[in-house]
N, C-alpha and C. Protein backbone atom coordinates (compact mmCIF):
# COMPACT_ATOMS: atom_id res chain seq x y z
N MET A 1 55.90 160.64 167.64
CA MET A 1 56.28 159.11 167.99
C MET A 1 54.58 158.12 168.01
N GLU A 2 54.81 157.85 167.38
CA GLU A 2 54.15 156.37 166.86
C GLU A 2 53.47 155.22 167.43
N VAL A 3 52.69 155.08 168.10
CA VAL A 3 52.52 153.48 168.76
C VAL A 3 51.71 152.82 168.05
N ILE A 4 52.40 151.43 167.85
CA ILE A 4 51.62 150.53 167.16
C ILE A 4 51.18 148.90 168.09
N GLU A 5 49.81 148.95 168.36
CA GLU A 5 49.49 147.70 169.23
C GLU A 5 49.52 146.48 168.18
N GLY A 6 50.22 145.57 168.57
CA GLY A 6 49.70 144.22 167.88
C GLY A 6 51.14 143.20 167.85
N SER A 7 51.55 142.13 167.47
CA SER A 7 52.02 141.29 167.82
C SER A 7 52.88 141.54 166.21
N THR A 8 54.07 141.10 166.41
CA THR A 8 55.18 141.41 165.19
C THR A 8 56.28 140.53 165.14
N ALA A 9 56.98 140.57 163.87
CA ALA A 9 57.80 138.85 163.54
C ALA A 9 58.35 140.33 162.31
N PHE A 10 60.23 140.04 162.33
CA PHE A 10 61.01 140.64 161.69
C PHE A 10 60.94 139.97 159.46
N THR A 11 60.79 140.56 158.47
CA THR A 11 60.48 140.04 157.35
C THR A 11 62.30 140.41 156.73
N ASP A 12 62.78 140.81 157.46
CA ASP A 12 64.44 141.23 157.17
C ASP A 12 65.10 141.59 158.34
N PRO A 13 66.34 142.32 158.46
CA PRO A 13 66.75 143.33 159.24
C PRO A 13 66.47 144.58 159.86
N HIS A 14 65.74 145.18 159.19
CA HIS A 14 65.79 146.53 159.28
C HIS A 14 63.73 146.29 159.25
N THR A 15 62.83 145.59 159.13
CA THR A 15 61.38 145.69 157.80
C THR A 15 60.90 145.07 159.40
N LEU A 16 60.03 145.16 160.32
CA LEU A 16 58.76 144.65 161.11
C LEU A 16 57.38 144.24 160.17
N ARG A 17 56.83 142.98 160.69
CA ARG A 17 55.42 143.14 159.86
C ARG A 17 54.50 142.50 161.71
N ILE A 18 54.10 143.65 161.42
CA ILE A 18 52.83 144.08 162.58
C ILE A 18 51.37 143.70 162.22
N GLN A 19 50.96 142.73 163.19
CA GLN A 19 49.37 142.40 162.91
C GLN A 19 48.83 143.11 164.18
N THR A 20 48.11 144.29 163.21
CA THR A 20 47.18 144.76 164.79
C THR A 20 45.51 144.65 164.76
N ALA A 21 44.63 145.12 165.11
CA ALA A 21 43.63 144.60 165.27
C ALA A 21 43.02 145.07 164.10
N SER A 22 43.40 145.96 163.52
CA SER A 22 42.85 146.30 161.91
C SER A 22 43.32 145.87 160.83
N GLY A 23 44.11 144.51 161.05
CA GLY A 23 44.96 144.71 159.88
C GLY A 23 46.72 144.49 159.98
N ILE A 24 47.56 143.96 158.66
CA ILE A 24 48.50 144.16 158.76
C ILE A 24 49.25 145.53 158.40
N ARG A 25 50.53 145.61 159.41
CA ARG A 25 51.34 146.99 159.02
C ARG A 25 52.51 146.35 158.95
N THR A 26 53.51 147.58 158.08
CA THR A 26 54.78 147.39 158.10
C THR A 26 55.40 148.43 158.80
N ALA A 27 56.99 147.94 159.70
CA ALA A 27 57.72 149.56 160.48
C ALA A 27 58.87 149.02 159.85
N THR A 28 59.78 149.73 159.40
CA THR A 28 61.02 150.02 158.75
C THR A 28 62.25 150.64 159.74
N SER A 29 63.15 150.74 159.66
CA SER A 29 64.41 151.99 160.90
C SER A 29 65.96 150.62 160.22
N GLU A 30 66.62 151.60 160.43
CA GLU A 30 68.02 151.34 160.35
C GLU A 30 68.51 150.73 161.72
N ASN A 31 67.48 151.22 163.45
CA ASN A 31 67.88 150.00 164.47
C ASN A 31 66.57 149.97 165.07
N ILE A 32 66.75 148.83 165.43
CA ILE A 32 65.48 147.87 166.38
C ILE A 32 65.65 147.75 167.82
N LEU A 33 64.73 148.26 168.83
CA LEU A 33 65.34 147.79 169.78
C LEU A 33 64.16 146.46 170.13
N ILE A 34 64.88 145.26 170.72
CA ILE A 34 64.29 144.17 170.39
C ILE A 34 64.17 144.48 172.34
N SER A 35 63.10 144.37 172.91
CA SER A 35 62.46 144.57 174.25
C SER A 35 61.28 143.75 174.71
N VAL A 36 61.46 142.49 174.69
CA VAL A 36 59.91 141.93 174.55
C VAL A 36 59.61 141.07 175.75
N GLY A 37 60.71 141.15 176.34
CA GLY A 37 60.06 140.38 178.22
C GLY A 37 60.33 139.38 177.81
N THR A 38 60.14 138.36 178.94
CA THR A 38 60.16 137.12 179.21
C THR A 38 58.87 136.09 179.67
N ARG A 39 59.09 135.17 179.47
CA ARG A 39 57.75 134.33 179.68
C ARG A 39 58.66 132.80 180.91
N PRO A 40 57.12 132.44 181.72
CA PRO A 40 58.05 131.04 182.18
C PRO A 40 58.43 130.21 181.52
N SER A 41 59.67 129.67 181.55
CA SER A 41 60.22 128.26 180.76
C SER A 41 58.90 127.25 181.71
N PRO A 42 58.80 126.26 179.95
CA PRO A 42 58.20 125.50 180.40
C PRO A 42 58.33 124.48 181.13
N PRO A 43 58.27 123.48 181.99
CA PRO A 43 59.04 122.27 182.34
C PRO A 43 58.97 120.96 181.45
N GLN A 44 60.13 120.38 181.98
CA GLN A 44 60.12 118.77 180.96
C GLN A 44 59.34 117.53 181.25
N ASP A 45 59.17 117.69 182.32
CA ASP A 45 59.00 116.42 183.03
C ASP A 45 57.18 116.03 183.42
N PHE A 46 56.80 117.54 183.38
CA PHE A 46 54.98 117.44 183.44
C PHE A 46 54.49 118.64 182.86
N GLU A 47 53.00 119.03 182.86
CA GLU A 47 52.17 119.61 181.96
C GLU A 47 51.87 120.40 182.98
N ILE A 48 51.44 121.57 182.65
CA ILE A 48 51.02 123.08 183.69
C ILE A 48 49.74 122.89 182.99
N ASP A 49 48.72 123.27 183.73
CA ASP A 49 47.27 122.89 183.01
C ASP A 49 46.00 124.51 183.46
N GLY A 50 47.18 125.33 184.09
CA GLY A 50 46.52 126.64 184.52
C GLY A 50 45.68 126.45 185.08
N GLN A 51 45.07 125.60 186.20
CA GLN A 51 44.42 125.27 187.07
C GLN A 51 45.05 124.92 187.88
N PHE A 52 45.46 123.33 188.30
CA PHE A 52 45.84 123.24 189.60
C PHE A 52 47.46 123.12 189.52
N VAL A 53 47.90 123.27 188.31
CA VAL A 53 49.50 123.55 188.14
C VAL A 53 49.92 124.53 187.42
N ILE A 54 50.29 125.46 187.66
CA ILE A 54 50.12 126.89 187.66
C ILE A 54 51.55 127.34 187.25
N ASN A 55 51.80 128.59 186.34
CA ASN A 55 53.19 129.03 186.57
C ASN A 55 53.31 130.79 187.01
N SER A 56 54.06 131.31 187.04
CA SER A 56 53.89 132.65 187.66
C SER A 56 52.94 133.31 187.05
N ASP A 57 53.16 133.36 185.73
CA ASP A 57 51.94 134.44 185.33
C ASP A 57 50.50 134.01 185.06
N GLU A 58 50.28 132.66 186.00
CA GLU A 58 48.85 132.02 185.92
C GLU A 58 48.16 132.42 187.15
N ILE A 59 49.37 133.01 187.86
CA ILE A 59 49.24 133.33 189.32
C ILE A 59 47.58 134.14 189.52
N PHE A 60 47.44 135.26 188.80
CA PHE A 60 46.07 136.24 189.05
C PHE A 60 44.80 135.26 188.59
N ASN A 61 45.33 134.26 187.60
CA ASN A 61 43.67 133.48 187.73
C ASN A 61 43.52 132.37 188.96
N VAL A 62 44.24 132.69 189.68
CA VAL A 62 43.39 131.95 190.95
C VAL A 62 42.43 132.80 192.11
N GLN A 63 41.52 131.71 191.42
CA GLN A 63 39.85 131.85 191.89
C GLN A 63 40.21 132.54 193.81
N GLU A 64 40.15 131.16 194.05
CA GLU A 64 40.35 131.10 195.67
C GLU A 64 41.22 130.66 196.27
N VAL A 65 42.31 131.22 197.80
CA VAL A 65 42.58 130.68 198.00
C VAL A 65 43.26 129.22 198.48
N PRO A 66 44.07 128.81 197.80
CA PRO A 66 43.78 127.42 198.55
C PRO A 66 44.32 127.04 199.73
N ARG A 67 44.25 125.87 200.18
CA ARG A 67 44.64 125.51 201.68
C ARG A 67 46.33 125.03 201.48
N SER A 68 46.92 124.35 200.57
CA SER A 68 47.72 124.25 200.52
C SER A 68 48.67 124.31 198.92
N VAL A 69 50.05 124.91 198.78
CA VAL A 69 50.45 124.88 198.01
C VAL A 69 52.07 124.85 197.88
N VAL A 70 52.39 123.91 196.63
CA VAL A 70 53.64 123.49 196.85
C VAL A 70 54.37 124.62 195.52
N VAL A 71 55.80 125.02 196.05
CA VAL A 71 56.04 125.76 195.26
C VAL A 71 57.40 125.51 194.63
N ILE A 72 57.69 125.31 193.25
CA ILE A 72 58.90 124.60 192.65
C ILE A 72 59.54 125.72 192.44
N GLY A 73 61.02 125.30 192.60
CA GLY A 73 62.00 126.72 192.38
C GLY A 73 62.04 127.50 193.15
N CYS A 74 63.21 128.08 193.69
CA CYS A 74 63.18 129.66 194.04
C CYS A 74 65.27 130.03 194.06
N GLY A 75 65.44 130.00 193.00
CA GLY A 75 66.58 130.10 192.40
C GLY A 75 66.68 131.73 192.24
N VAL A 76 67.16 132.19 191.06
CA VAL A 76 67.64 133.62 190.39
C VAL A 76 66.33 134.30 190.05
N ILE A 77 65.36 133.53 189.28
CA ILE A 77 64.49 133.89 188.95
C ILE A 77 63.27 134.34 190.41
N GLY A 78 63.34 133.08 191.21
CA GLY A 78 62.79 132.81 192.52
C GLY A 78 62.51 134.00 193.73
N ILE A 79 64.12 134.67 193.62
CA ILE A 79 63.80 136.18 194.50
C ILE A 79 62.60 136.64 194.23
N GLY A 80 62.30 136.82 192.95
CA GLY A 80 61.08 137.93 192.92
C GLY A 80 59.82 136.96 192.98
N ILE A 81 60.06 135.67 192.19
CA ILE A 81 58.87 135.18 191.76
C ILE A 81 58.55 133.41 192.92
N GLY A 82 59.25 132.71 192.78
CA GLY A 82 58.67 131.53 194.02
C GLY A 82 58.82 131.99 195.48
N ILE A 83 60.34 132.43 196.12
CA ILE A 83 60.39 132.52 197.26
C ILE A 83 59.24 133.84 197.68
N GLU A 84 59.10 134.57 197.08
CA GLU A 84 57.68 135.88 197.19
C GLU A 84 56.59 135.51 197.27
N TYR A 85 56.29 134.33 196.43
CA TYR A 85 54.95 133.73 196.26
C TYR A 85 55.00 132.74 197.65
N ALA A 86 56.00 132.03 197.81
CA ALA A 86 56.14 131.48 198.85
C ALA A 86 55.43 132.17 200.35
N SER A 87 55.95 133.24 200.70
CA SER A 87 55.83 134.19 201.19
C SER A 87 54.94 134.86 201.91
N MET A 88 53.90 135.20 200.65
CA MET A 88 52.50 136.17 200.37
C MET A 88 51.68 134.86 200.79
N PHE A 89 52.16 133.59 200.24
CA PHE A 89 50.73 132.81 200.94
C PHE A 89 50.66 132.28 202.32
N ALA A 90 52.19 132.49 202.48
CA ALA A 90 52.05 131.57 204.07
C ALA A 90 51.04 132.78 205.13
N ALA A 91 51.70 134.02 204.67
CA ALA A 91 50.72 135.21 205.42
C ALA A 91 49.47 135.15 205.58
N LEU A 92 49.10 133.89 204.12
CA LEU A 92 47.45 134.15 203.90
C LEU A 92 46.98 132.69 204.86
N GLY A 93 48.16 132.42 205.80
CA GLY A 93 47.76 131.25 206.50
C GLY A 93 47.73 129.51 205.44
N VAL A 94 48.41 129.74 204.14
CA VAL A 94 48.43 128.63 203.61
C VAL A 94 49.61 127.73 204.25
N ASN A 95 49.11 126.31 203.97
CA ASN A 95 50.56 125.54 204.10
C ASN A 95 51.21 125.23 203.15
N VAL A 96 52.57 125.81 202.99
CA VAL A 96 53.54 126.00 201.76
C VAL A 96 54.54 125.21 201.74
N THR A 97 54.83 124.43 201.12
CA THR A 97 55.98 123.86 200.86
C THR A 97 57.12 124.07 199.72
N VAL A 98 58.10 124.96 199.35
CA VAL A 98 59.20 124.69 198.65
C VAL A 98 59.99 123.58 198.34
N VAL A 99 59.89 123.76 197.11
CA VAL A 99 60.85 122.58 196.23
C VAL A 99 61.64 123.08 195.43
N ASP A 100 63.33 122.56 195.66
CA ASP A 100 64.56 123.37 194.74
C ASP A 100 65.70 122.19 195.00
N GLY A 101 66.19 121.95 193.69
CA GLY A 101 67.08 121.57 193.10
C GLY A 101 68.73 122.17 194.15
N ARG A 102 68.81 123.18 194.60
CA ARG A 102 69.69 123.60 195.39
C ARG A 102 69.14 123.28 196.48
N ARG A 103 70.98 123.40 197.55
CA ARG A 103 70.59 122.91 198.86
C ARG A 103 70.60 124.10 199.43
N ARG A 104 70.32 125.71 198.84
CA ARG A 104 70.46 126.28 199.78
C ARG A 104 69.42 127.31 198.63
N PRO A 105 68.27 127.79 199.53
CA PRO A 105 67.73 129.33 198.25
C PRO A 105 68.01 130.71 197.57
N LEU A 106 68.88 131.08 196.97
CA LEU A 106 68.72 132.17 196.52
C LEU A 106 70.42 132.30 196.93
N GLU A 107 70.59 130.90 196.78
CA GLU A 107 72.55 131.12 196.78
C GLU A 107 72.76 132.06 196.14
N PHE A 108 72.98 132.91 195.48
CA PHE A 108 74.07 134.10 195.11
C PHE A 108 73.57 135.30 195.88
N LEU A 109 72.97 135.30 196.97
CA LEU A 109 72.81 136.39 197.95
C LEU A 109 73.49 136.20 199.09
N ASP A 110 73.96 137.05 199.95
CA ASP A 110 74.52 136.58 201.09
C ASP A 110 73.92 135.69 201.98
N HIS A 111 74.33 134.64 202.62
CA HIS A 111 74.16 133.67 203.55
C HIS A 111 73.29 134.22 204.60
N GLU A 112 74.11 135.36 204.64
CA GLU A 112 73.14 135.09 206.50
C GLU A 112 71.89 135.52 206.52
N ILE A 113 71.72 136.30 205.15
CA ILE A 113 70.83 137.28 205.02
C ILE A 113 69.45 136.40 204.83
N VAL A 114 69.78 135.52 204.06
CA VAL A 114 68.84 134.24 203.40
C VAL A 114 68.36 133.18 204.60
N ASP A 115 70.05 132.84 205.36
CA ASP A 115 69.37 132.07 206.64
C ASP A 115 68.41 132.44 207.50
N LYS A 116 68.33 133.97 207.69
CA LYS A 116 67.67 134.66 208.95
C LYS A 116 66.10 134.91 207.92
N LEU A 117 65.99 134.82 206.32
CA LEU A 117 64.96 135.07 205.66
C LEU A 117 64.29 133.34 206.00
N VAL A 118 65.18 132.54 205.53
CA VAL A 118 64.23 131.29 205.06
C VAL A 118 64.08 130.81 207.24
N HIS A 119 64.30 131.44 208.24
CA HIS A 119 64.09 130.98 209.28
C HIS A 119 62.63 132.35 209.93
N GLN A 120 62.80 132.86 209.66
CA GLN A 120 61.51 133.89 209.65
C GLN A 120 60.10 133.19 208.55
N MET A 121 60.70 132.50 207.56
CA MET A 121 59.76 131.86 206.38
C MET A 121 59.27 130.83 207.60
N ARG A 122 60.03 129.88 207.62
CA ARG A 122 59.88 128.56 208.38
C ARG A 122 59.16 128.69 209.81
N ASP A 123 59.47 129.84 210.56
CA ASP A 123 58.67 130.20 211.49
C ASP A 123 56.74 130.40 211.24
N ARG A 124 56.57 131.04 209.78
CA ARG A 124 55.42 130.94 209.23
C ARG A 124 55.11 130.24 209.01
N GLY A 125 55.62 129.07 208.90
CA GLY A 125 54.96 127.54 208.35
C GLY A 125 55.26 127.28 207.40
N VAL A 126 56.33 127.42 206.56
CA VAL A 126 56.88 127.19 205.34
C VAL A 126 57.70 125.97 205.56
N LEU A 127 57.87 125.42 204.69
CA LEU A 127 58.24 123.58 204.25
C LEU A 127 59.51 124.03 203.77
N PHE A 128 60.84 124.03 203.94
CA PHE A 128 61.62 123.64 202.56
C PHE A 128 62.50 122.19 202.63
N ARG A 129 61.97 121.95 201.21
CA ARG A 129 62.74 120.53 200.61
C ARG A 129 63.57 120.78 199.67
N LEU A 130 64.70 121.39 200.16
CA LEU A 130 66.23 121.70 199.66
C LEU A 130 67.13 120.46 199.23
N GLY A 131 67.51 120.45 197.55
CA GLY A 131 68.28 119.33 197.44
C GLY A 131 67.62 118.08 196.93
N GLU A 132 66.21 118.92 196.90
CA GLU A 132 65.09 117.82 195.84
C GLU A 132 64.60 118.44 194.63
N THR A 133 64.59 116.70 194.22
CA THR A 133 64.57 116.95 192.43
C THR A 133 62.82 116.90 191.86
N VAL A 134 62.54 117.69 191.48
CA VAL A 134 60.71 116.85 190.51
C VAL A 134 60.56 116.06 189.74
N GLU A 135 60.23 114.77 189.97
CA GLU A 135 60.11 114.44 188.53
C GLU A 135 59.00 114.34 188.46
N GLY A 136 57.86 114.52 188.88
CA GLY A 136 56.58 114.32 188.21
C GLY A 136 55.22 115.01 188.96
N VAL A 137 54.48 115.85 188.23
CA VAL A 137 53.39 116.17 188.59
C VAL A 137 51.98 115.74 187.86
N GLU A 138 51.10 115.54 189.32
CA GLU A 138 49.92 114.62 188.88
C GLU A 138 48.75 115.11 189.49
N VAL A 139 47.99 115.09 188.65
CA VAL A 139 46.48 115.84 189.71
C VAL A 139 45.17 114.53 189.67
N LYS A 140 45.15 114.36 191.17
CA LYS A 140 44.10 113.54 191.16
C LYS A 140 42.82 114.24 191.57
N ARG A 141 42.15 113.56 190.74
CA ARG A 141 40.58 113.86 190.55
C ARG A 141 39.82 113.17 191.53
N ASN A 142 39.58 113.06 192.63
CA ASN A 142 38.35 111.76 193.48
C ASN A 142 37.45 113.11 194.55
N GLY A 143 36.71 113.38 193.75
CA GLY A 143 35.99 114.70 195.24
C GLY A 143 36.27 115.73 194.90
N ARG A 144 37.13 116.29 195.62
CA ARG A 144 38.16 117.55 195.55
C ARG A 144 39.67 117.29 194.91
N SER A 145 40.27 118.11 193.98
CA SER A 145 41.33 117.64 192.78
C SER A 145 42.27 117.85 193.90
N THR A 146 43.38 116.95 193.85
CA THR A 146 44.81 117.14 194.45
C THR A 146 46.07 117.19 194.14
N VAL A 147 46.90 117.87 193.88
CA VAL A 147 48.24 117.61 193.14
C VAL A 147 49.06 117.40 193.86
N VAL A 148 49.96 116.12 193.87
CA VAL A 148 50.79 115.44 193.74
C VAL A 148 52.17 115.29 193.31
N VAL A 149 53.23 116.17 193.86
CA VAL A 149 54.10 115.91 193.14
C VAL A 149 55.37 114.77 193.63
N SER A 150 55.69 114.55 193.16
CA SER A 150 56.69 112.96 193.00
C SER A 150 58.17 114.08 193.16
N LEU A 151 59.18 113.50 194.48
CA LEU A 151 60.15 113.95 194.36
C LEU A 151 61.15 112.75 193.79
N ALA A 152 62.39 112.99 192.92
CA ALA A 152 63.61 112.12 193.36
C ALA A 152 64.08 111.16 194.04
N SER A 153 63.73 111.26 195.51
CA SER A 153 63.91 110.89 196.56
C SER A 153 62.84 110.08 196.54
N GLY A 154 61.74 109.86 196.60
CA GLY A 154 60.89 108.75 196.40
C GLY A 154 59.38 109.63 197.34
N LYS A 155 59.46 111.44 198.06
CA LYS A 155 58.67 111.42 198.97
C LYS A 155 57.94 112.05 198.03
N ARG A 156 56.50 112.35 198.53
CA ARG A 156 55.43 112.65 197.79
C ARG A 156 54.43 113.77 198.42
N LEU A 157 54.21 114.33 197.45
CA LEU A 157 53.59 116.11 198.45
C LEU A 157 52.34 115.98 197.17
N ALA A 158 51.53 116.12 198.84
CA ALA A 158 50.18 116.32 198.47
C ALA A 158 49.58 117.64 198.57
N ALA A 159 48.55 119.00 197.48
CA ALA A 159 48.47 119.87 197.89
C ALA A 159 47.42 120.40 197.18
N ASP A 160 46.97 121.39 196.89
CA ASP A 160 45.95 122.39 196.81
C ASP A 160 45.95 122.45 195.03
N LEU A 161 47.56 122.72 195.14
CA LEU A 161 47.69 123.92 193.66
C LEU A 161 49.34 123.85 193.95
N ALA A 162 49.82 123.67 192.38
CA ALA A 162 51.43 123.60 192.72
C ALA A 162 51.73 125.01 191.46
N LEU A 163 52.64 125.79 192.32
CA LEU A 163 53.31 126.94 191.37
C LEU A 163 54.86 126.75 190.66
N VAL A 164 54.85 126.59 189.72
CA VAL A 164 56.11 126.04 189.01
C VAL A 164 56.71 127.41 188.74
N CYS A 165 57.58 127.92 189.42
CA CYS A 165 58.53 129.13 189.44
C CYS A 165 60.04 128.23 188.79
N ALA A 166 60.22 127.89 187.96
CA ALA A 166 61.50 127.24 187.53
C ALA A 166 62.57 128.22 187.00
N GLY A 167 62.12 129.03 186.55
CA GLY A 167 62.74 129.98 185.23
C GLY A 167 62.23 130.73 184.13
N ARG A 168 63.30 131.48 183.86
CA ARG A 168 61.87 132.67 182.43
C ARG A 168 63.12 132.18 181.66
N VAL A 169 62.34 132.30 180.03
CA VAL A 169 63.15 132.42 179.35
C VAL A 169 62.51 133.85 178.37
N GLY A 170 63.95 134.28 177.34
CA GLY A 170 63.56 135.10 176.55
C GLY A 170 61.63 134.97 175.66
N ALA A 171 61.08 136.28 175.47
CA ALA A 171 59.85 135.78 174.58
C ALA A 171 60.44 135.90 173.09
N THR A 172 61.34 135.37 172.50
CA THR A 172 61.71 135.89 171.38
C THR A 172 61.58 134.99 170.47
N ASP A 173 60.40 133.76 170.62
CA ASP A 173 60.30 132.88 169.89
C ASP A 173 59.25 132.70 168.33
N SER A 174 58.77 134.27 168.75
CA SER A 174 57.62 134.27 167.75
C SER A 174 58.39 135.50 166.90
N LEU A 175 59.17 135.90 166.94
CA LEU A 175 60.13 137.80 166.12
C LEU A 175 60.54 136.64 165.05
N ASN A 176 60.76 135.96 164.42
CA ASN A 176 61.37 135.16 163.31
C ASN A 176 62.31 135.93 162.93
N LEU A 177 63.46 135.34 164.30
CA LEU A 177 64.65 136.21 164.18
C LEU A 177 65.83 135.68 163.10
N ALA A 178 65.39 134.62 162.40
CA ALA A 178 66.14 134.56 161.13
C ALA A 178 66.11 135.11 160.31
N ALA A 179 65.01 135.92 160.02
CA ALA A 179 65.06 136.87 158.80
C ALA A 179 66.01 137.96 159.35
N ALA A 180 66.13 138.51 160.43
CA ALA A 180 67.44 139.69 160.98
C ALA A 180 68.56 139.32 161.17
N GLU A 181 68.90 137.55 160.49
CA GLU A 181 70.07 137.37 160.62
C GLU A 181 70.42 136.91 162.16
N LEU A 182 69.50 136.90 163.53
CA LEU A 182 69.64 136.61 164.17
C LEU A 182 69.52 135.16 165.09
N GLU A 183 70.17 134.75 166.03
CA GLU A 183 69.65 133.58 166.50
C GLU A 183 69.32 133.64 167.98
N ALA A 184 69.12 132.69 168.84
CA ALA A 184 68.83 132.87 170.29
C ALA A 184 69.38 131.74 170.55
N ASP A 185 69.76 131.86 171.78
CA ASP A 185 70.37 130.42 172.82
C ASP A 185 69.12 129.58 173.13
N ASP A 186 69.03 128.46 173.56
CA ASP A 186 68.19 128.02 174.39
C ASP A 186 67.34 128.13 175.31
N ARG A 187 67.89 129.13 175.66
CA ARG A 187 66.58 130.09 176.79
C ARG A 187 66.25 131.26 176.32
N GLY A 188 66.28 131.16 174.64
CA GLY A 188 65.51 132.87 174.32
C GLY A 188 66.75 134.11 174.45
N ARG A 189 67.96 133.70 174.59
CA ARG A 189 68.43 135.04 174.86
C ARG A 189 69.16 135.50 173.83
N LEU A 190 69.47 136.89 173.08
CA LEU A 190 70.11 137.69 171.85
C LEU A 190 71.84 137.49 172.35
N VAL A 191 73.02 137.14 171.88
CA VAL A 191 73.67 137.92 172.35
C VAL A 191 74.20 138.83 171.91
N MET A 192 74.76 139.74 172.77
CA MET A 192 75.11 141.37 172.63
C MET A 192 76.82 141.74 172.68
N GLY A 193 76.76 142.12 171.92
CA GLY A 193 77.83 142.99 171.80
C GLY A 193 78.32 144.21 172.75
N GLU A 194 79.42 145.15 172.28
CA GLU A 194 79.78 146.60 172.80
C GLU A 194 78.28 147.31 172.09
N ASN A 195 78.12 148.12 173.53
CA ASN A 195 77.04 149.13 173.54
C ASN A 195 75.62 148.31 173.17
N PHE A 196 75.43 146.84 173.64
CA PHE A 196 74.44 146.12 174.11
C PHE A 196 73.70 145.90 171.96
N ARG A 197 74.79 146.07 171.11
CA ARG A 197 73.90 145.60 169.80
C ARG A 197 74.03 144.18 169.51
N THR A 198 73.41 144.01 168.63
CA THR A 198 73.16 142.42 168.04
C THR A 198 74.54 142.71 166.86
N THR A 199 74.54 141.17 166.77
CA THR A 199 75.63 141.03 165.19
C THR A 199 74.97 141.58 163.97
């Protein structure tokens, strides 16, 4: 087996063009396994600046522990990201506020378990703003930078950092799927049939 490192795109349903550090290569196969993973879904109402407003992939770029964090999102993806990071920050003594449009976090899990988790997180000082929609995020720079998260209810939350965990999309946009006669949905997912095969 040969491993080729680089970025790739389809040129036809059975051929890949691979940009490597040393140049361009091609690879052909009767069957190609698409396993590109996901990337954070970009928010529609505000920008991520990578410093004060970050997504879950940028969390490891944070240079110092903030005094306060607003975590935006705690749904299906939040089980591994939003709620998890909120819990970690709270354990470090950070003031954490979790904002989500749903009335309860992790609504797909057993309610009794979620209620216990929320109770324990509240005991650690985590504030939940559930049933709230974020309308905008702005960074105010007067001396020490502050992130202001504006909610549809009119409330404004101020923090050192906003962490956006509002879902992920398939990282298929750079694959030139049209050349492979494939099409992704609006979340970058491919339709699979029997035995996980595309059309």
